[in-house]
Amino acid sequence: MSNVSLGAILDKLEPVIASFGEGRASAPDLFEILTYGSAEQVNSNILVFYLDPHAYHGFGDLFL
């Protein structure tokens, strides 16, 4: 068994742990919106997605 100190292990893990918080969740696409819930919820999610002028689709207020 190696005599590596806990401090040395933590020093190597800190950048790895810090990198987990840097990622950003991707915006949902149409297939993710359609894959859950009841039919009513799916229809509502589609409306919410396309009527939001700031959504990832990039259409702005075209549908409004």
PDB file of N, CA and C in Angstrom:
ATOM      1  N   MET A   1       0.847  -1.185   0.000  1.00  0.00           N
ATOM      2  CA  MET A   1       0.000   0.000   0.000  1.00  0.00           C
ATOM      3  C   MET A   1       0.880   1.231   0.000  1.00  0.00           C
ATOM      4  N   SER A   2       0.478   2.232  -0.757  1.00  0.00           N
ATOM      5  CA  SER A   2       1.250   3.454  -0.927  1.00  0.00           C
ATOM      6  C   SER A   2       1.037   4.395   0.250  1.00  0.00           C
ATOM      7  N   ASN A   3       2.027   5.204   0.520  1.00  0.00           N
ATOM      8  CA  ASN A   3       1.940   6.185   1.595  1.00  0.00           C
ATOM      9  C   ASN A   3       1.603   7.567   1.037  1.00  0.00           C
ATOM     10  N   VAL A   4       0.562   7.659   0.241  1.00  0.00           N
ATOM     11  CA  VAL A   4       0.126   8.926  -0.331  1.00  0.00           C
ATOM     12  C   VAL A   4      -0.776   9.614   0.686  1.00  0.00           C
ATOM     13  N   SER A   5      -0.514  10.894   0.919  1.00  0.00           N
ATOM     14  CA  SER A   5      -1.294  11.612   1.918  1.00  0.00           C
ATOM     15  C   SER A   5      -2.660  12.012   1.351  1.00  0.00           C
ATOM     16  N   LEU A   6      -3.582  12.174   2.245  1.00  0.00           N
ATOM     17  CA  LEU A   6      -4.929  12.591   1.862  1.00  0.00           C
ATOM     18  C   LEU A   6      -4.895  13.976   1.211  1.00  0.00           C
ATOM     19  N   GLY A   7      -4.025  14.842   1.701  1.00  0.00           N
ATOM     20  CA  GLY A   7      -3.895  16.182   1.128  1.00  0.00           C
ATOM     21  C   GLY A   7      -3.466  16.134  -0.333  1.00  0.00           C
ATOM     22  N   ALA A   8      -2.551  15.237  -0.664  1.00  0.00           N
ATOM     23  CA  ALA A   8      -2.090  15.111  -2.043  1.00  0.00           C
ATOM     24  C   ALA A   8      -3.211  14.621  -2.952  1.00  0.00           C
ATOM     25  N   ILE A   9      -4.014  13.719  -2.450  1.00  0.00           N
ATOM     26  CA  ILE A   9      -5.156  13.215  -3.232  1.00  0.00           C
ATOM     27  C   ILE A   9      -6.173  14.328  -3.454  1.00  0.00           C
ATOM     28  N   LEU A  10      -6.466  15.082  -2.395  1.00  0.00           N
ATOM     29  CA  LEU A  10      -7.434  16.165  -2.520  1.00  0.00           C
ATOM     30  C   LEU A  10      -6.941  17.258  -3.467  1.00  0.00           C
ATOM     31  N   ASP A  11      -5.637  17.525  -3.450  1.00  0.00           N
ATOM     32  CA  ASP A  11      -5.080  18.524  -4.364  1.00  0.00           C
ATOM     33  C   ASP A  11      -5.301  18.121  -5.819  1.00  0.00           C
ATOM     34  N   LYS A  12      -5.218  16.835  -6.103  1.00  0.00           N
ATOM     35  CA  LYS A  12      -5.422  16.364  -7.470  1.00  0.00           C
ATOM     36  C   LYS A  12      -6.904  16.313  -7.839  1.00  0.00           C
ATOM     37  N   LEU A  13      -7.765  16.119  -6.848  1.00  0.00           N
ATOM     38  CA  LEU A  13      -9.201  16.015  -7.123  1.00  0.00           C
ATOM     39  C   LEU A  13      -9.901  17.366  -7.219  1.00  0.00           C
ATOM     40  N   GLU A  14      -9.350  18.403  -6.614  1.00  0.00           N
ATOM     41  CA  GLU A  14     -10.023  19.700  -6.608  1.00  0.00           C
ATOM     42  C   GLU A  14     -10.334  20.225  -8.009  1.00  0.00           C
ATOM     43  N   PRO A  15      -9.402  20.202  -8.964  1.00  0.00           N
ATOM     44  CA  PRO A  15      -9.760  20.687 -10.305  1.00  0.00           C
ATOM     45  C   PRO A  15     -10.834  19.842 -10.983  1.00  0.00           C
ATOM     46  N   VAL A  16     -10.819  18.553 -10.711  1.00  0.00           N
ATOM     47  CA  VAL A  16     -11.822  17.670 -11.311  1.00  0.00           C
ATOM     48  C   VAL A  16     -13.197  17.990 -10.737  1.00  0.00           C
ATOM     49  N   ILE A  17     -13.272  18.146  -9.440  1.00  0.00           N
ATOM     50  CA  ILE A  17     -14.546  18.458  -8.784  1.00  0.00           C
ATOM     51  C   ILE A  17     -15.045  19.824  -9.229  1.00  0.00           C
ATOM     52  N   ALA A  18     -14.153  20.792  -9.354  1.00  0.00           N
ATOM     53  CA  ALA A  18     -14.548  22.140  -9.776  1.00  0.00           C
ATOM     54  C   ALA A  18     -15.084  22.138 -11.206  1.00  0.00           C
ATOM     55  N   SER A  19     -14.586  21.242 -12.049  1.00  0.00           N
ATOM     56  CA  SER A  19     -15.027  21.217 -13.446  1.00  0.00           C
ATOM     57  C   SER A  19     -16.471  20.753 -13.602  1.00  0.00           C
ATOM     58  N   PHE A  20     -17.017  20.050 -12.615  1.00  0.00           N
ATOM     59  CA  PHE A  20     -18.402  19.594 -12.716  1.00  0.00           C
ATOM     60  C   PHE A  20     -19.382  20.751 -12.722  1.00  0.00           C
ATOM     61  N   GLY A  21     -19.074  21.822 -12.022  1.00  0.00           N
ATOM     62  CA  GLY A  21     -19.974  22.959 -11.961  1.00  0.00           C
ATOM     63  C   GLY A  21     -19.896  23.851 -13.180  1.00  0.00           C
ATOM     64  N   GLU A  22     -18.932  23.657 -14.056  1.00  0.00           N
ATOM     65  CA  GLU A  22     -18.743  24.529 -15.199  1.00  0.00           C
ATOM     66  C   GLU A  22     -19.661  24.194 -16.363  1.00  0.00           C
ATOM     67  N   GLY A  23     -20.148  22.980 -16.413  1.00  0.00           N
ATOM     68  CA  GLY A  23     -20.992  22.576 -17.535  1.00  0.00           C
ATOM     69  C   GLY A  23     -22.345  23.238 -17.491  1.00  0.00           C
ATOM     70  N   ARG A  24     -22.935  23.411 -18.654  1.00  0.00           N
ATOM     71  CA  ARG A  24     -24.253  24.006 -18.749  1.00  0.00           C
ATOM     72  C   ARG A  24     -25.181  22.990 -19.403  1.00  0.00           C
ATOM     73  N   ALA A  25     -26.345  22.857 -18.855  1.00  0.00           N
ATOM     74  CA  ALA A  25     -27.305  21.920 -19.426  1.00  0.00           C
ATOM     75  C   ALA A  25     -27.725  22.408 -20.802  1.00  0.00           C
ATOM     76  N   SER A  26     -27.879  21.484 -21.715  1.00  0.00           N
ATOM     77  CA  SER A  26     -28.291  21.870 -23.056  1.00  0.00           C
ATOM     78  C   SER A  26     -29.782  22.192 -23.065  1.00  0.00           C
ATOM     79  N   ALA A  27     -30.160  23.050 -23.952  1.00  0.00           N
ATOM     80  CA  ALA A  27     -31.568  23.416 -24.079  1.00  0.00           C
ATOM     81  C   ALA A  27     -32.335  22.229 -24.652  1.00  0.00           C
ATOM     82  N   PRO A  28     -33.580  22.065 -24.246  1.00  0.00           N
ATOM     83  CA  PRO A  28     -34.350  20.921 -24.752  1.00  0.00           C
ATOM     84  C   PRO A  28     -34.676  21.083 -26.226  1.00  0.00           C
ATOM     85  N   ASP A  29     -34.674  19.967 -26.936  1.00  0.00           N
ATOM     86  CA  ASP A  29     -35.103  20.003 -28.323  1.00  0.00           C
ATOM     87  C   ASP A  29     -36.520  19.432 -28.411  1.00  0.00           C
ATOM     88  N   LEU A  30     -37.063  19.403 -29.586  1.00  0.00           N
ATOM     89  CA  LEU A  30     -38.451  18.978 -29.762  1.00  0.00           C
ATOM     90  C   LEU A  30     -38.677  17.541 -29.285  1.00  0.00           C
ATOM     91  N   PHE A  31     -37.712  16.649 -29.510  1.00  0.00           N
ATOM     92  CA  PHE A  31     -37.874  15.258 -29.108  1.00  0.00           C
ATOM     93  C   PHE A  31     -37.883  15.108 -27.588  1.00  0.00           C
ATOM     94  N   GLU A  32     -37.091  15.896 -26.881  1.00  0.00           N
ATOM     95  CA  GLU A  32     -37.110  15.840 -25.421  1.00  0.00           C
ATOM     96  C   GLU A  32     -38.421  16.377 -24.872  1.00  0.00           C
ATOM     97  N   ILE A  33     -38.980  17.377 -25.522  1.00  0.00           N
ATOM     98  CA  ILE A  33     -40.242  17.951 -25.063  1.00  0.00           C
ATOM     99  C   ILE A  33     -41.379  16.947 -25.214  1.00  0.00           C
ATOM    100  N   LEU A  34     -41.345  16.135 -26.263  1.00  0.00           N
ATOM    101  CA  LEU A  34     -42.437  15.213 -26.556  1.00  0.00           C
ATOM    102  C   LEU A  34     -42.362  13.880 -25.830  1.00  0.00           C
ATOM    103  N   THR A  35     -41.306  13.611 -25.063  1.00  0.00           N
ATOM    104  CA  THR A  35     -41.101  12.264 -24.559  1.00  0.00           C
ATOM    105  C   THR A  35     -41.630  11.982 -23.161  1.00  0.00           C
ATOM    106  N   TYR A  36     -42.333  12.882 -22.524  1.00  0.00           N
ATOM    107  CA  TYR A  36     -42.805  12.575 -21.182  1.00  0.00           C
ATOM    108  C   TYR A  36     -44.173  13.182 -20.940  1.00  0.00           C
ATOM    109  N   GLY A  37     -44.860  12.653 -19.942  1.00  0.00           N
ATOM    110  CA  GLY A  37     -46.132  13.196 -19.506  1.00  0.00           C
ATOM    111  C   GLY A  37     -47.311  12.712 -20.321  1.00  0.00           C
ATOM    112  N   SER A  38     -48.460  13.204 -19.923  1.00  0.00           N
ATOM    113  CA  SER A  38     -49.684  12.870 -20.642  1.00  0.00           C
ATOM    114  C   SER A  38     -49.756  13.687 -21.928  1.00  0.00           C
ATOM    115  N   ALA A  39     -50.746  13.385 -22.749  1.00  0.00           N
ATOM    116  CA  ALA A  39     -50.902  14.111 -24.017  1.00  0.00           C
ATOM    117  C   ALA A  39     -51.137  15.592 -23.764  1.00  0.00           C
ATOM    118  N   GLU A  40     -51.890  15.908 -22.740  1.00  0.00           N
ATOM    119  CA  GLU A  40     -52.151  17.316 -22.425  1.00  0.00           C
ATOM    120  C   GLU A  40     -50.860  18.027 -22.028  1.00  0.00           C
ATOM    121  N   GLN A  41     -50.044  17.347 -21.255  1.00  0.00           N
ATOM    122  CA  GLN A  41     -48.781  17.953 -20.831  1.00  0.00           C
ATOM    123  C   GLN A  41     -47.834  18.136 -22.023  1.00  0.00           C
ATOM    124  N   VAL A  42     -47.812  17.188 -22.926  1.00  0.00           N
ATOM    125  CA  VAL A  42     -46.967  17.305 -24.117  1.00  0.00           C
ATOM    126  C   VAL A  42     -47.419  18.498 -24.960  1.00  0.00           C
ATOM    127  N   ASN A  43     -48.727  18.630 -25.164  1.00  0.00           N
ATOM    128  CA  ASN A  43     -49.239  19.763 -25.938  1.00  0.00           C
ATOM    129  C   ASN A  43     -48.891  21.082 -25.270  1.00  0.00           C
ATOM    130  N   SER A  44     -49.030  21.140 -23.956  1.00  0.00           N
ATOM    131  CA  SER A  44     -48.676  22.356 -23.225  1.00  0.00           C
ATOM    132  C   SER A  44     -47.193  22.657 -23.346  1.00  0.00           C
ATOM    133  N   ASN A  45     -46.361  21.628 -23.276  1.00  0.00           N
ATOM    134  CA  ASN A  45     -44.918  21.837 -23.392  1.00  0.00           C
ATOM    135  C   ASN A  45     -44.535  22.366 -24.769  1.00  0.00           C
ATOM    136  N   ILE A  46     -45.225  21.897 -25.800  1.00  0.00           N
ATOM    137  CA  ILE A  46     -44.949  22.395 -27.151  1.00  0.00           C
ATOM    138  C   ILE A  46     -45.309  23.874 -27.245  1.00  0.00           C
ATOM    139  N   LEU A  47     -46.476  24.230 -26.703  1.00  0.00           N
ATOM    140  CA  LEU A  47     -46.876  25.635 -26.726  1.00  0.00           C
ATOM    141  C   LEU A  47     -45.910  26.505 -25.940  1.00  0.00           C
ATOM    142  N   VAL A  48     -45.533  26.039 -24.764  1.00  0.00           N
ATOM    143  CA  VAL A  48     -44.587  26.802 -23.944  1.00  0.00           C
ATOM    144  C   VAL A  48     -43.274  26.991 -24.686  1.00  0.00           C
ATOM    145  N   PHE A  49     -42.801  25.957 -25.336  1.00  0.00           N
ATOM    146  CA  PHE A  49     -41.529  26.024 -26.047  1.00  0.00           C
ATOM    147  C   PHE A  49     -41.575  27.041 -27.180  1.00  0.00           C
ATOM    148  N   TYR A  50     -42.601  26.987 -28.011  1.00  0.00           N
ATOM    149  CA  TYR A  50     -42.648  27.852 -29.179  1.00  0.00           C
ATOM    150  C   TYR A  50     -43.161  29.255 -28.886  1.00  0.00           C
ATOM    151  N   LEU A  51     -43.913  29.442 -27.816  1.00  0.00           N
ATOM    152  CA  LEU A  51     -44.396  30.784 -27.478  1.00  0.00           C
ATOM    153  C   LEU A  51     -43.424  31.568 -26.614  1.00  0.00           C
ATOM    154  N   ASP A  52     -42.361  30.948 -26.146  1.00  0.00           N
ATOM    155  CA  ASP A  52     -41.336  31.644 -25.372  1.00  0.00           C
ATOM    156  C   ASP A  52     -40.357  32.302 -26.344  1.00  0.00           C
ATOM    157  N   PRO A  53     -40.346  33.635 -26.418  1.00  0.00           N
ATOM    158  CA  PRO A  53     -39.471  34.300 -27.387  1.00  0.00           C
ATOM    159  C   PRO A  53     -37.986  34.143 -27.081  1.00  0.00           C
ATOM    160  N   HIS A  54     -37.659  33.711 -25.872  1.00  0.00           N
ATOM    161  CA  HIS A  54     -36.256  33.545 -25.488  1.00  0.00           C
ATOM    162  C   HIS A  54     -35.814  32.083 -25.511  1.00  0.00           C
ATOM    163  N   ALA A  55     -36.637  31.185 -26.005  1.00  0.00           N
ATOM    164  CA  ALA A  55     -36.315  29.754 -26.021  1.00  0.00           C
ATOM    165  C   ALA A  55     -35.212  29.454 -27.027  1.00  0.00           C
ATOM    166  N   TYR A  56     -34.706  28.259 -26.942  1.00  0.00           N
ATOM    167  CA  TYR A  56     -33.553  27.828 -27.729  1.00  0.00           C
ATOM    168  C   TYR A  56     -33.840  27.739 -29.231  1.00  0.00           C
ATOM    169  N   HIS A  57     -35.124  27.712 -29.627  1.00  0.00           N
ATOM    170  CA  HIS A  57     -35.441  27.530 -31.041  1.00  0.00           C
ATOM    171  C   HIS A  57     -34.968  28.698 -31.903  1.00  0.00           C
ATOM    172  N   GLY A  58     -34.809  29.865 -31.321  1.00  0.00           N
ATOM    173  CA  GLY A  58     -34.279  31.010 -32.056  1.00  0.00           C
ATOM    174  C   GLY A  58     -35.276  31.747 -32.930  1.00  0.00           C
ATOM    175  N   PHE A  59     -36.570  31.433 -32.804  1.00  0.00           N
ATOM    176  CA  PHE A  59     -37.585  32.098 -33.616  1.00  0.00           C
ATOM    177  C   PHE A  59     -38.023  33.435 -33.032  1.00  0.00           C
ATOM    178  N   GLY A  60     -37.589  33.750 -31.839  1.00  0.00           N
ATOM    179  CA  GLY A  60     -37.999  34.993 -31.198  1.00  0.00           C
ATOM    180  C   GLY A  60     -39.497  35.007 -30.956  1.00  0.00           C
ATOM    181  N   ASP A  61     -40.135  36.120 -31.321  1.00  0.00           N
ATOM    182  CA  ASP A  61     -41.585  36.221 -31.117  1.00  0.00           C
ATOM    183  C   ASP A  61     -42.382  35.938 -32.395  1.00  0.00           C
ATOM    184  N   LEU A  62     -41.805  35.176 -33.303  1.00  0.00           N
ATOM    185  CA  LEU A  62     -42.449  34.829 -34.567  1.00  0.00           C
ATOM    186  C   LEU A  62     -43.833  34.199 -34.358  1.00  0.00           C
ATOM    187  N   PHE A  63     -43.969  33.314 -33.368  1.00  0.00           N
ATOM    188  CA  PHE A  63     -45.226  32.607 -33.152  1.00  0.00           C
ATOM    189  C   PHE A  63     -46.240  33.424 -32.358  1.00  0.00           C
ATOM    190  N   LEU A  64     -45.791  34.500 -31.741  1.00  0.00           N
ATOM    191  CA  LEU A  64     -46.717  35.353 -31.009  1.00  0.00           C
ATOM    192  C   LEU A  64     -47.431  36.264 -31.986  1.00  0.00           C
TER     193      LEU A  64
END
